[in-house]
Amino acid sequence: MSKESRNSRSGSTLADSLAEKPRERRSADISESVNRTNSNGFDVHRVYETFTIALRQPENPKSPIGTQDYINGYRELLKFFDQLGRVFRFVKDDVVDKLNILQTFADKDQKNAIKHFETIQSAIDYETEQNLIKTNPERNFARTLLRLHRALLFIIQFLQALSERPTSENTTTIATSCYDATLYHHHGFLVRSSVRVGFRILPSRKQLDDVIFHGQKSDLLSQYDHFIQTIKQIYDVVEGYYAEKKYLQLP
């Protein structure tokens, strides 16, 4: 997509954006496109584009998920948390660390003739076959990805609730309910307490609408819903694969 077309994006839709960028584009092409933009802020279009590339076979409920594309999409999604203040540092700092670990696996894999980590499924299969998940519990692909996977569910629910919940519900109420349904179960008492206190200083619904929709909420709401469903589809594929391997309860 040209720089001019990006600058005139206000009249476009997510569907238009996807149509202009074929699914076959490489991860590096997506990264180059993102780096050419002047803004480092959250952009629904960029998140949608990168996560859509990760879903190799969108009609397949067990679609392969491209590892590098998943990393790229997650990095774009994290920009949303830059808008939320210090309260979400507990999510972002940990996620950045985990993404860097996955990136190490992906980078090393590029030097190998046989690509073990090209997709999430092939990476988990490889570590299973090599018995790496049990013998190296602190630093392996499957366990690292599982922590990102859990955080992704919170992000999905929070973003979805911001558009679906009644306007009478403030961001503190929404974030708390989403947290309690997801990451709460994986945190200790001190983290839980700190998070709930931090939720009290979240930006308002209007401020977050501005971050997400840039003043075009009525025009982009249906496309935003499709964006959420695409990320949710990726989550469901990964969830199903971990369940199949009986890895969902890995510590």
Protein backbone atom coordinates (compact mmCIF):
# COMPACT_ATOMS: atom_id res chain seq x y z
CA MET A 1 0.00 0.00 0.00
CA SER A 2 1.46 3.40 -0.94
CA LYS A 3 2.19 6.12 1.54
CA GLU A 4 -0.48 8.28 -0.09
CA SER A 5 -3.13 5.63 0.33
CA ARG A 6 -2.24 5.21 3.99
CA ASN A 7 -2.52 8.94 4.57
CA SER A 8 -6.01 8.91 3.05
CA ARG A 9 -7.08 5.92 5.10
CA SER A 10 -9.89 7.87 6.77
CA GLY A 11 -12.19 6.99 3.89
CA SER A 12 -11.24 3.33 3.72
CA THR A 13 -12.33 0.23 5.59
CA LEU A 14 -10.48 -2.73 7.01
CA ALA A 15 -11.85 -4.84 4.19
CA ASP A 16 -10.47 -2.38 1.61
CA SER A 17 -7.11 -2.45 3.34
CA LEU A 18 -6.97 -6.23 3.26
CA ALA A 19 -7.98 -6.36 -0.41
CA GLU A 20 -5.07 -4.10 -1.32
CA LYS A 21 -2.58 -6.34 0.49
CA PRO A 22 -2.61 -9.97 -0.77
CA ARG A 23 -2.40 -12.74 1.83
CA GLU A 24 0.76 -14.08 0.18
CA ARG A 25 2.82 -11.08 1.25
CA ARG A 26 5.80 -12.02 3.38
CA SER A 27 6.18 -11.00 7.03
CA ALA A 28 9.11 -8.77 6.08
CA ASP A 29 6.88 -6.88 3.65
CA ILE A 30 4.35 -6.24 6.39
CA SER A 31 7.06 -5.05 8.75
CA GLU A 32 8.45 -2.70 6.09
CA SER A 33 4.97 -1.30 5.48
CA VAL A 34 4.50 -0.67 9.19
CA ASN A 35 7.91 0.95 9.56
CA ARG A 36 7.16 3.40 6.74
CA THR A 37 4.31 4.97 8.74
CA ASN A 38 4.98 8.12 10.71
CA SER A 39 2.93 7.08 13.73
CA ASN A 40 3.99 4.55 16.32
CA GLY A 41 0.50 4.52 17.81
CA PHE A 42 -2.17 1.85 17.82
CA ASP A 43 -3.74 1.31 14.39
CA VAL A 44 -6.54 -1.23 13.91
CA HIS A 45 -5.69 -1.57 10.22
CA ARG A 46 -2.08 -2.58 10.87
CA VAL A 47 -3.06 -5.11 13.56
CA TYR A 48 -5.69 -6.60 11.29
CA GLU A 49 -3.30 -6.87 8.36
CA THR A 50 -0.54 -8.60 10.30
CA PHE A 51 -2.76 -11.06 12.15
CA THR A 52 -4.64 -11.90 8.94
CA ILE A 53 -1.36 -12.92 7.32
CA ALA A 54 -0.67 -15.22 10.28
CA LEU A 55 -3.86 -17.17 9.60
CA ARG A 56 -2.62 -19.23 6.67
CA GLN A 57 -5.91 -21.03 5.93
CA PRO A 58 -8.78 -18.89 7.27
CA GLU A 59 -11.45 -21.42 6.29
CA ASN A 60 -9.67 -24.19 8.17
CA PRO A 61 -10.51 -24.43 11.93
CA LYS A 62 -7.04 -25.93 12.39
CA SER A 63 -5.25 -23.44 10.17
CA PRO A 64 -1.46 -23.24 10.45
CA ILE A 65 -0.45 -20.04 12.27
CA GLY A 66 2.70 -18.38 10.99
CA THR A 67 5.12 -17.80 13.87
CA GLN A 68 6.75 -14.61 12.58
CA ASP A 69 3.39 -13.19 11.53
CA TYR A 70 1.94 -13.92 14.96
CA ILE A 71 4.87 -12.08 16.56
CA ASN A 72 4.41 -9.12 14.20
CA GLY A 73 0.69 -8.93 14.93
CA TYR A 74 1.21 -9.11 18.67
CA ARG A 75 3.79 -6.32 18.58
CA GLU A 76 1.31 -4.09 16.76
CA LEU A 77 -1.43 -4.98 19.23
CA LEU A 78 0.81 -4.02 22.15
CA LYS A 79 0.79 -0.41 20.99
CA PHE A 80 -2.73 -0.17 22.36
CA PHE A 81 -1.36 -0.58 25.87
CA ASP A 82 0.93 2.39 25.44
CA GLN A 83 -2.25 4.45 25.55
CA LEU A 84 -3.46 3.02 28.85
CA GLY A 85 -0.83 4.27 31.27
CA ARG A 86 1.31 2.45 33.80
CA VAL A 87 -1.39 0.03 34.92
CA PHE A 88 -0.82 -2.18 31.90
CA ARG A 89 2.92 -2.42 32.37
CA PHE A 90 2.27 -5.76 34.06
CA VAL A 91 0.97 -7.02 30.72
CA LYS A 92 3.27 -5.24 28.32
CA ASP A 93 6.63 -5.84 29.99
CA ASP A 94 5.99 -9.55 30.32
CA VAL A 95 4.61 -9.84 26.79
CA VAL A 96 7.59 -8.01 25.28
CA ASP A 97 9.96 -10.37 27.07
CA LYS A 98 8.05 -13.41 25.78
CA LEU A 99 7.90 -12.05 22.23
CA ASN A 100 11.66 -11.56 22.26
CA ILE A 101 12.10 -15.20 23.26
CA LEU A 102 9.86 -16.35 20.40
CA GLN A 103 11.74 -14.05 18.04
CA THR A 104 14.98 -15.77 19.01
CA PHE A 105 13.50 -19.11 17.99
CA ALA A 106 12.21 -17.69 14.71
CA ASP A 107 15.55 -16.03 13.87
CA LYS A 108 17.59 -19.17 14.56
CA ASP A 109 15.15 -21.20 12.49
CA GLN A 110 15.91 -19.10 9.42
CA LYS A 111 19.44 -20.51 9.40
CA ASN A 112 18.24 -24.11 9.30
CA ALA A 113 17.50 -26.09 6.17
CA ILE A 114 14.46 -27.64 7.86
CA LYS A 115 12.16 -25.03 9.38
CA HIS A 116 10.91 -26.35 12.71
CA PHE A 117 9.47 -23.05 13.94
CA GLU A 118 7.84 -21.69 10.79
CA THR A 119 4.37 -22.22 12.24
CA ILE A 120 3.16 -22.43 15.81
CA GLN A 121 1.98 -25.98 15.29
CA SER A 122 5.25 -27.20 13.78
CA ALA A 123 7.19 -25.60 16.64
CA ILE A 124 5.10 -27.35 19.28
CA ASP A 125 5.37 -30.64 17.40
CA TYR A 126 9.15 -30.32 17.18
CA GLU A 127 9.59 -29.58 20.88
CA THR A 128 7.27 -32.45 21.74
CA GLU A 129 9.21 -34.90 19.59
CA GLN A 130 12.52 -33.72 21.05
CA ASN A 131 11.17 -33.78 24.62
CA LEU A 132 12.22 -30.16 25.05
CA ILE A 133 9.10 -29.01 26.87
CA LYS A 134 9.80 -31.09 29.96
CA THR A 135 13.60 -31.03 29.90
CA ASN A 136 13.86 -27.25 29.39
CA PRO A 137 10.82 -25.85 31.20
CA GLU A 138 12.09 -22.30 31.67
CA ARG A 139 12.91 -21.38 28.09
CA ASN A 140 11.07 -23.20 25.36
CA PHE A 141 8.69 -22.18 22.62
CA ALA A 142 5.54 -23.96 23.82
CA ARG A 143 5.57 -22.63 27.39
CA THR A 144 6.51 -19.12 26.28
CA LEU A 145 3.74 -19.02 23.70
CA LEU A 146 1.20 -20.30 26.22
CA ARG A 147 1.76 -17.23 28.40
CA LEU A 148 1.25 -14.96 25.39
CA HIS A 149 -1.81 -16.96 24.47
CA ARG A 150 -3.37 -16.39 27.89
CA ALA A 151 -2.69 -12.66 27.74
CA LEU A 152 -4.21 -12.51 24.25
CA LEU A 153 -7.56 -13.68 25.59
CA PHE A 154 -7.62 -10.77 28.04
CA ILE A 155 -6.75 -8.33 25.25
CA ILE A 156 -9.47 -9.74 22.98
CA GLN A 157 -12.14 -9.57 25.66
CA PHE A 158 -11.16 -6.07 26.72
CA LEU A 159 -11.17 -4.66 23.18
CA GLN A 160 -14.45 -6.38 22.38
CA ALA A 161 -16.10 -5.14 25.57
CA LEU A 162 -15.10 -1.54 24.82
CA SER A 163 -17.33 -1.60 21.76
CA GLU A 164 -20.14 -3.82 23.06
CA ARG A 165 -20.70 -2.90 26.71
CA PRO A 166 -23.26 -0.18 27.59
CA THR A 167 -21.86 3.32 27.82
CA SER A 168 -22.90 3.35 31.46
CA GLU A 169 -20.04 0.95 32.23
CA ASN A 170 -16.71 2.68 32.74
CA THR A 171 -13.32 1.34 31.74
CA THR A 172 -12.51 0.29 35.30
CA THR A 173 -15.57 -1.97 35.45
CA ILE A 174 -14.90 -3.43 32.02
CA ALA A 175 -11.20 -4.08 32.58
CA THR A 176 -11.83 -5.68 35.95
CA SER A 177 -14.46 -8.10 34.64
CA CYS A 178 -12.26 -9.08 31.67
CA TYR A 179 -9.24 -9.55 33.92
CA ASP A 180 -11.19 -11.65 36.42
CA ALA A 181 -12.33 -13.94 33.60
CA THR A 182 -8.84 -14.42 32.14
CA LEU A 183 -5.45 -13.47 33.61
CA TYR A 184 -6.68 -13.36 37.19
CA HIS A 185 -6.43 -17.17 37.35
CA HIS A 186 -2.72 -17.09 36.47
CA HIS A 187 -1.58 -14.36 38.89
CA GLY A 188 -0.77 -14.35 42.57
CA PHE A 189 -2.43 -12.26 45.23
CA LEU A 190 -0.05 -9.29 45.04
CA VAL A 191 -0.34 -8.95 41.26
CA ARG A 192 -4.12 -9.27 41.40
CA SER A 193 -4.35 -6.55 44.04
CA SER A 194 -2.02 -4.19 42.19
CA VAL A 195 -3.87 -4.64 38.91
CA ARG A 196 -7.27 -3.88 40.42
CA VAL A 197 -5.96 -0.72 42.04
CA GLY A 198 -4.37 0.35 38.77
CA PHE A 199 -7.59 -0.14 36.83
CA ARG A 200 -9.03 2.84 38.71
CA ILE A 201 -6.90 5.28 36.70
CA LEU A 202 -7.61 3.94 33.22
CA PRO A 203 -8.56 6.45 30.49
CA SER A 204 -12.27 7.05 29.91
CA ARG A 205 -14.36 5.23 27.32
CA LYS A 206 -14.31 8.33 25.13
CA GLN A 207 -10.53 8.59 25.30
CA LEU A 208 -10.14 4.94 24.28
CA ASP A 209 -12.66 5.37 21.47
CA ASP A 210 -10.43 8.13 20.13
CA VAL A 211 -7.40 5.82 20.32
CA ILE A 212 -9.20 2.98 18.53
CA PHE A 213 -11.43 4.75 16.02
CA HIS A 214 -9.78 8.16 15.55
CA GLY A 215 -13.17 9.87 15.52
CA GLN A 216 -14.75 7.44 13.03
CA LYS A 217 -16.47 4.99 15.34
CA SER A 218 -19.79 4.85 13.49
CA ASP A 219 -18.00 4.15 10.18
CA LEU A 220 -15.52 1.60 11.47
CA LEU A 221 -17.51 -0.32 14.08
CA SER A 222 -18.45 -3.24 11.82
CA GLN A 223 -14.88 -3.55 10.56
CA TYR A 224 -13.60 -3.37 14.13
CA ASP A 225 -15.83 -6.31 14.99
CA HIS A 226 -14.32 -8.30 12.11
CA PHE A 227 -10.86 -7.37 13.36
CA ILE A 228 -11.71 -8.79 16.79
CA GLN A 229 -13.12 -11.98 15.27
CA THR A 230 -9.95 -12.53 13.24
CA ILE A 231 -7.76 -12.36 16.34
CA LYS A 232 -10.26 -14.55 18.22
CA GLN A 233 -10.05 -17.13 15.43
CA ILE A 234 -6.28 -17.30 15.85
CA TYR A 235 -6.73 -17.66 19.60
CA ASP A 236 -9.22 -20.51 19.09
CA VAL A 237 -6.87 -22.37 16.73
CA VAL A 238 -3.99 -22.15 19.21
CA GLU A 239 -6.28 -23.06 22.13
CA GLY A 240 -7.47 -26.13 20.27
CA TYR A 241 -3.95 -27.26 19.47
CA TYR A 242 -2.78 -26.92 23.07
CA ALA A 243 -5.86 -28.82 24.22
CA GLU A 244 -5.13 -31.58 21.71
CA LYS A 245 -1.58 -31.87 23.03
CA LYS A 246 -2.80 -31.61 26.65
CA TYR A 247 -0.55 -28.59 27.22
CA LEU A 248 -3.10 -26.01 28.43
CA GLN A 249 -2.15 -26.58 32.07
CA LEU A 250 1.59 -26.24 31.61
CA PRO A 251 3.02 -24.18 34.51
